Amino acid sequence: MTDDIRLNRVRRFLETLNQARELGLTVEATGDGVLTMCLPYSDRIIGNPDTGVIHGGAITTLMDTTSGSVIICALQDFELCPTLDLRVDYMRPAEPHKPVFARAETYKITRNIIFTRCEAYQEGGETIANCVGTFMRIGKEATPKGYRDLITGGEE
């Protein structure tokens, strides 16, 4: 699968997720089993009005969405893979008025489970948070064909 196919599939998938649309998440880069996404700064995601620091829930959503979406970049065929577990370790608050990026990778794919890791950071590269996730594979055939066709653009 090419990076263009991965990019288009992830973009179409994000369009189906209300939280991704509300937060304005965008795809920055794709590769074989890797994905980088961006959470733009906005007044809507401020957790502390006195400092302008981004709410941790927005960063967790970015990391969960990036970790779940990276699976699209790792599997040849699209299938839904719900989150089973997501562990997030926060290192520091995000700096106000700057976007946050998340880079996720799949590091183990089994018949039933996919394991991911993800790092959230800002320009300059200092880590905001790390997470590891496990996602349940339900299989291509258990994913409704109409939804698969929407994500793949009918390519399968």
C-alpha atoms as a PDB file:
ATOM      1  CA  MET A   1       0.000   0.000   0.000  1.00  0.00           C
ATOM      2  CA  THR A   2       1.352   3.463  -0.874  1.00  0.00           C
ATOM      3  CA  ASP A   3       1.574   6.460   1.457  1.00  0.00           C
ATOM      4  CA  ASP A   4      -1.095   8.230  -0.640  1.00  0.00           C
ATOM      5  CA  ILE A   5      -3.532   5.352  -0.083  1.00  0.00           C
ATOM      6  CA  ARG A   6      -2.746   5.345   3.647  1.00  0.00           C
ATOM      7  CA  LEU A   7      -3.155   9.128   3.849  1.00  0.00           C
ATOM      8  CA  ASN A   8      -6.519   9.087   2.081  1.00  0.00           C
ATOM      9  CA  ARG A   9      -7.833   6.196   4.190  1.00  0.00           C
ATOM     10  CA  VAL A  10      -6.857   7.889   7.453  1.00  0.00           C
ATOM     11  CA  ARG A  11      -8.388  11.197   6.320  1.00  0.00           C
ATOM     12  CA  ARG A  12     -11.656   9.482   5.390  1.00  0.00           C
ATOM     13  CA  PHE A  13     -11.649   7.620   8.717  1.00  0.00           C
ATOM     14  CA  LEU A  14     -11.140  10.879  10.653  1.00  0.00           C
ATOM     15  CA  GLU A  15     -14.125  12.397   8.857  1.00  0.00           C
ATOM     16  CA  THR A  16     -16.314   9.691  10.446  1.00  0.00           C
ATOM     17  CA  LEU A  17     -15.169  10.562  13.993  1.00  0.00           C
ATOM     18  CA  ASN A  18     -17.065  13.445  15.612  1.00  0.00           C
ATOM     19  CA  GLN A  19     -14.339  14.097  18.180  1.00  0.00           C
ATOM     20  CA  ALA A  20     -11.637  14.274  15.487  1.00  0.00           C
ATOM     21  CA  ARG A  21     -13.663  16.782  13.479  1.00  0.00           C
ATOM     22  CA  GLU A  22     -14.489  18.881  16.566  1.00  0.00           C
ATOM     23  CA  LEU A  23     -10.824  19.031  17.602  1.00  0.00           C
ATOM     24  CA  GLY A  24      -9.659  19.762  14.041  1.00  0.00           C
ATOM     25  CA  LEU A  25      -7.255  16.800  13.941  1.00  0.00           C
ATOM     26  CA  THR A  26      -5.238  16.549  10.739  1.00  0.00           C
ATOM     27  CA  VAL A  27      -2.905  13.971   9.248  1.00  0.00           C
ATOM     28  CA  GLU A  28       0.681  15.177   8.968  1.00  0.00           C
ATOM     29  CA  ALA A  29       2.483  12.053   7.683  1.00  0.00           C
ATOM     30  CA  THR A  30       1.922   8.352   7.054  1.00  0.00           C
ATOM     31  CA  GLY A  31       4.158   5.376   6.490  1.00  0.00           C
ATOM     32  CA  ASP A  32       4.138   1.617   6.840  1.00  0.00           C
ATOM     33  CA  GLY A  33       2.811   1.197  10.387  1.00  0.00           C
ATOM     34  CA  VAL A  34       3.488   4.820  11.404  1.00  0.00           C
ATOM     35  CA  LEU A  35       1.310   7.927  11.538  1.00  0.00           C
ATOM     36  CA  THR A  36       1.706  11.534  12.689  1.00  0.00           C
ATOM     37  CA  MET A  37      -1.309  13.725  13.438  1.00  0.00           C
ATOM     38  CA  CYS A  38      -1.754  17.321  14.613  1.00  0.00           C
ATOM     39  CA  LEU A  39      -4.052  18.896  17.198  1.00  0.00           C
ATOM     40  CA  PRO A  40      -4.244  22.640  16.472  1.00  0.00           C
ATOM     41  CA  TYR A  41      -4.391  25.003  19.412  1.00  0.00           C
ATOM     42  CA  SER A  42      -7.751  26.661  19.994  1.00  0.00           C
ATOM     43  CA  ASP A  43      -9.624  28.360  22.823  1.00  0.00           C
ATOM     44  CA  ARG A  44     -12.023  25.396  22.867  1.00  0.00           C
ATOM     45  CA  ILE A  45      -9.395  22.992  24.255  1.00  0.00           C
ATOM     46  CA  ILE A  46      -7.995  25.164  27.038  1.00  0.00           C
ATOM     47  CA  GLY A  47      -7.922  23.320  30.343  1.00  0.00           C
ATOM     48  CA  ASN A  48      -6.716  26.211  32.502  1.00  0.00           C
ATOM     49  CA  PRO A  49      -8.048  29.643  31.483  1.00  0.00           C
ATOM     50  CA  ASP A  50      -5.407  31.424  33.588  1.00  0.00           C
ATOM     51  CA  THR A  51      -2.477  29.839  31.746  1.00  0.00           C
ATOM     52  CA  GLY A  52      -4.013  28.731  28.430  1.00  0.00           C
ATOM     53  CA  VAL A  53      -2.658  25.188  28.892  1.00  0.00           C
ATOM     54  CA  ILE A  54      -4.416  22.542  26.783  1.00  0.00           C
ATOM     55  CA  HIS A  55      -6.761  20.179  28.622  1.00  0.00           C
ATOM     56  CA  GLY A  56      -5.333  16.689  29.084  1.00  0.00           C
ATOM     57  CA  GLY A  57      -8.495  15.157  27.649  1.00  0.00           C
ATOM     58  CA  ALA A  58      -7.817  16.771  24.269  1.00  0.00           C
ATOM     59  CA  ILE A  59      -4.283  15.356  24.267  1.00  0.00           C
ATOM     60  CA  THR A  60      -5.560  11.911  25.301  1.00  0.00           C
ATOM     61  CA  THR A  61      -8.100  12.034  22.463  1.00  0.00           C
ATOM     62  CA  LEU A  62      -5.330  12.995  20.022  1.00  0.00           C
ATOM     63  CA  MET A  63      -3.206  10.072  21.199  1.00  0.00           C
ATOM     64  CA  ASP A  64      -6.070   7.545  21.195  1.00  0.00           C
ATOM     65  CA  THR A  65      -7.167   8.648  17.719  1.00  0.00           C
ATOM     66  CA  THR A  66      -3.611   8.548  16.350  1.00  0.00           C
ATOM     67  CA  SER A  67      -2.961   5.154  17.959  1.00  0.00           C
ATOM     68  CA  GLY A  68      -6.192   3.707  16.561  1.00  0.00           C
ATOM     69  CA  SER A  69      -5.699   5.275  13.137  1.00  0.00           C
ATOM     70  CA  VAL A  70      -2.114   4.016  12.757  1.00  0.00           C
ATOM     71  CA  ILE A  71      -3.640   0.563  12.372  1.00  0.00           C
ATOM     72  CA  ILE A  72      -4.959   1.718   8.987  1.00  0.00           C
ATOM     73  CA  CYS A  73      -1.316   2.297   8.021  1.00  0.00           C
ATOM     74  CA  ALA A  74      -0.287  -1.186   9.182  1.00  0.00           C
ATOM     75  CA  LEU A  75      -2.977  -3.479   7.737  1.00  0.00           C
ATOM     76  CA  GLN A  76      -3.496  -4.111   4.042  1.00  0.00           C
ATOM     77  CA  ASP A  77      -7.265  -4.476   4.477  1.00  0.00           C
ATOM     78  CA  PHE A  78      -9.299  -2.017   6.531  1.00  0.00           C
ATOM     79  CA  GLU A  79     -10.978  -3.352   9.652  1.00  0.00           C
ATOM     80  CA  LEU A  80     -12.367  -1.640  12.726  1.00  0.00           C
ATOM     81  CA  CYS A  81     -10.186  -2.199  15.791  1.00  0.00           C
ATOM     82  CA  PRO A  82     -11.737  -0.798  18.980  1.00  0.00           C
ATOM     83  CA  THR A  83      -9.522   0.374  21.837  1.00  0.00           C
ATOM     84  CA  LEU A  84      -9.132  -2.250  24.557  1.00  0.00           C
ATOM     85  CA  ASP A  85      -6.639  -0.396  26.719  1.00  0.00           C
ATOM     86  CA  LEU A  86      -4.786   2.901  26.563  1.00  0.00           C
ATOM     87  CA  ARG A  87      -2.215   3.908  29.150  1.00  0.00           C
ATOM     88  CA  VAL A  88      -1.083   7.528  29.037  1.00  0.00           C
ATOM     89  CA  ASP A  89       1.867   8.934  30.975  1.00  0.00           C
ATOM     90  CA  TYR A  90       1.983  12.738  31.077  1.00  0.00           C
ATOM     91  CA  MET A  91       5.463  14.273  31.287  1.00  0.00           C
ATOM     92  CA  ARG A  92       4.665  17.996  31.184  1.00  0.00           C
ATOM     93  CA  PRO A  93       1.898  20.384  30.130  1.00  0.00           C
ATOM     94  CA  ALA A  94       1.698  21.495  26.523  1.00  0.00           C
ATOM     95  CA  GLU A  95       2.775  25.078  25.871  1.00  0.00           C
ATOM     96  CA  PRO A  96      -0.172  27.377  25.139  1.00  0.00           C
ATOM     97  CA  HIS A  97      -0.843  28.710  21.623  1.00  0.00           C
ATOM     98  CA  LYS A  98       1.114  25.911  19.883  1.00  0.00           C
ATOM     99  CA  PRO A  99      -0.176  22.819  18.107  1.00  0.00           C
ATOM    100  CA  VAL A 100       0.466  19.366  19.558  1.00  0.00           C
ATOM    101  CA  PHE A 101       1.636  16.486  17.370  1.00  0.00           C
ATOM    102  CA  ALA A 102       1.275  12.772  18.008  1.00  0.00           C
ATOM    103  CA  ARG A 103       3.388  10.091  16.348  1.00  0.00           C
ATOM    104  CA  ALA A 104       2.166   6.510  16.678  1.00  0.00           C
ATOM    105  CA  GLU A 105       3.492   3.183  15.497  1.00  0.00           C
ATOM    106  CA  THR A 106       2.307  -0.387  15.557  1.00  0.00           C
ATOM    107  CA  TYR A 107       4.922  -2.606  17.135  1.00  0.00           C
ATOM    108  CA  LYS A 108       3.137  -5.958  17.300  1.00  0.00           C
ATOM    109  CA  ILE A 109       0.248  -7.343  15.274  1.00  0.00           C
ATOM    110  CA  THR A 110      -1.339 -10.638  16.249  1.00  0.00           C
ATOM    111  CA  ARG A 111      -4.410 -12.442  14.982  1.00  0.00           C
ATOM    112  CA  ASN A 112      -6.565 -10.849  17.720  1.00  0.00           C
ATOM    113  CA  ILE A 113      -4.706  -7.821  19.125  1.00  0.00           C
ATOM    114  CA  ILE A 114      -2.674  -4.898  17.760  1.00  0.00           C
ATOM    115  CA  PHE A 115      -0.183  -3.142  20.036  1.00  0.00           C
ATOM    116  CA  THR A 116       0.748   0.507  19.512  1.00  0.00           C
ATOM    117  CA  ARG A 117       2.879   3.188  21.124  1.00  0.00           C
ATOM    118  CA  CYS A 118       2.509   6.932  20.725  1.00  0.00           C
ATOM    119  CA  GLU A 119       4.280  10.126  21.708  1.00  0.00           C
ATOM    120  CA  ALA A 120       2.706  13.591  21.944  1.00  0.00           C
ATOM    121  CA  TYR A 121       5.069  16.531  21.480  1.00  0.00           C
ATOM    122  CA  GLN A 122       5.310  20.112  20.259  1.00  0.00           C
ATOM    123  CA  GLU A 123       7.780  21.870  17.970  1.00  0.00           C
ATOM    124  CA  GLY A 124      11.208  21.418  19.467  1.00  0.00           C
ATOM    125  CA  GLY A 125      10.451  17.788  20.196  1.00  0.00           C
ATOM    126  CA  GLU A 126      10.125  17.717  23.994  1.00  0.00           C
ATOM    127  CA  THR A 127       7.691  14.971  24.980  1.00  0.00           C
ATOM    128  CA  ILE A 128       4.358  15.987  26.499  1.00  0.00           C
ATOM    129  CA  ALA A 129       3.025  12.447  26.967  1.00  0.00           C
ATOM    130  CA  ASN A 130       3.622   8.835  25.974  1.00  0.00           C
ATOM    131  CA  CYS A 131       1.063   6.096  25.629  1.00  0.00           C
ATOM    132  CA  VAL A 132       0.766   2.439  24.795  1.00  0.00           C
ATOM    133  CA  GLY A 133      -2.434   0.971  23.459  1.00  0.00           C
ATOM    134  CA  THR A 134      -4.004  -2.358  22.676  1.00  0.00           C
ATOM    135  CA  PHE A 135      -6.704  -2.675  20.044  1.00  0.00           C
ATOM    136  CA  MET A 136      -9.003  -5.632  19.357  1.00  0.00           C
ATOM    137  CA  ARG A 137      -9.115  -6.971  15.826  1.00  0.00           C
ATOM    138  CA  ILE A 138     -12.672  -7.779  14.790  1.00  0.00           C
ATOM    139  CA  GLY A 139     -11.689  -8.730  11.245  1.00  0.00           C
ATOM    140  CA  LYS A 140     -12.424  -7.333   7.823  1.00  0.00           C
ATOM    141  CA  GLU A 141     -15.619  -9.347   7.412  1.00  0.00           C
ATOM    142  CA  ALA A 142     -17.055  -8.106  10.751  1.00  0.00           C
ATOM    143  CA  THR A 143     -16.604  -4.500   9.589  1.00  0.00           C
ATOM    144  CA  PRO A 144     -19.688  -3.452   7.580  1.00  0.00           C
ATOM    145  CA  LYS A 145     -18.921  -3.394   3.851  1.00  0.00           C
ATOM    146  CA  GLY A 146     -20.471   0.064   3.376  1.00  0.00           C
ATOM    147  CA  TYR A 147     -18.170   1.491   6.050  1.00  0.00           C
ATOM    148  CA  ARG A 148     -15.131  -0.339   4.614  1.00  0.00           C
ATOM    149  CA  ASP A 149     -15.948   1.085   1.180  1.00  0.00           C
ATOM    150  CA  LEU A 150     -16.276   4.582   2.655  1.00  0.00           C
ATOM    151  CA  ILE A 151     -12.804   4.359   4.234  1.00  0.00           C
ATOM    152  CA  THR A 152     -11.064   2.589   1.360  1.00  0.00           C
ATOM    153  CA  GLY A 153     -12.821   4.570  -1.358  1.00  0.00           C
ATOM    154  CA  GLY A 154     -14.022   1.228  -2.753  1.00  0.00           C
ATOM    155  CA  GLU A 155     -10.408   0.138  -3.425  1.00  0.00           C
ATOM    156  CA  GLU A 156     -10.790  -3.319  -1.801  1.00  0.00           C
END
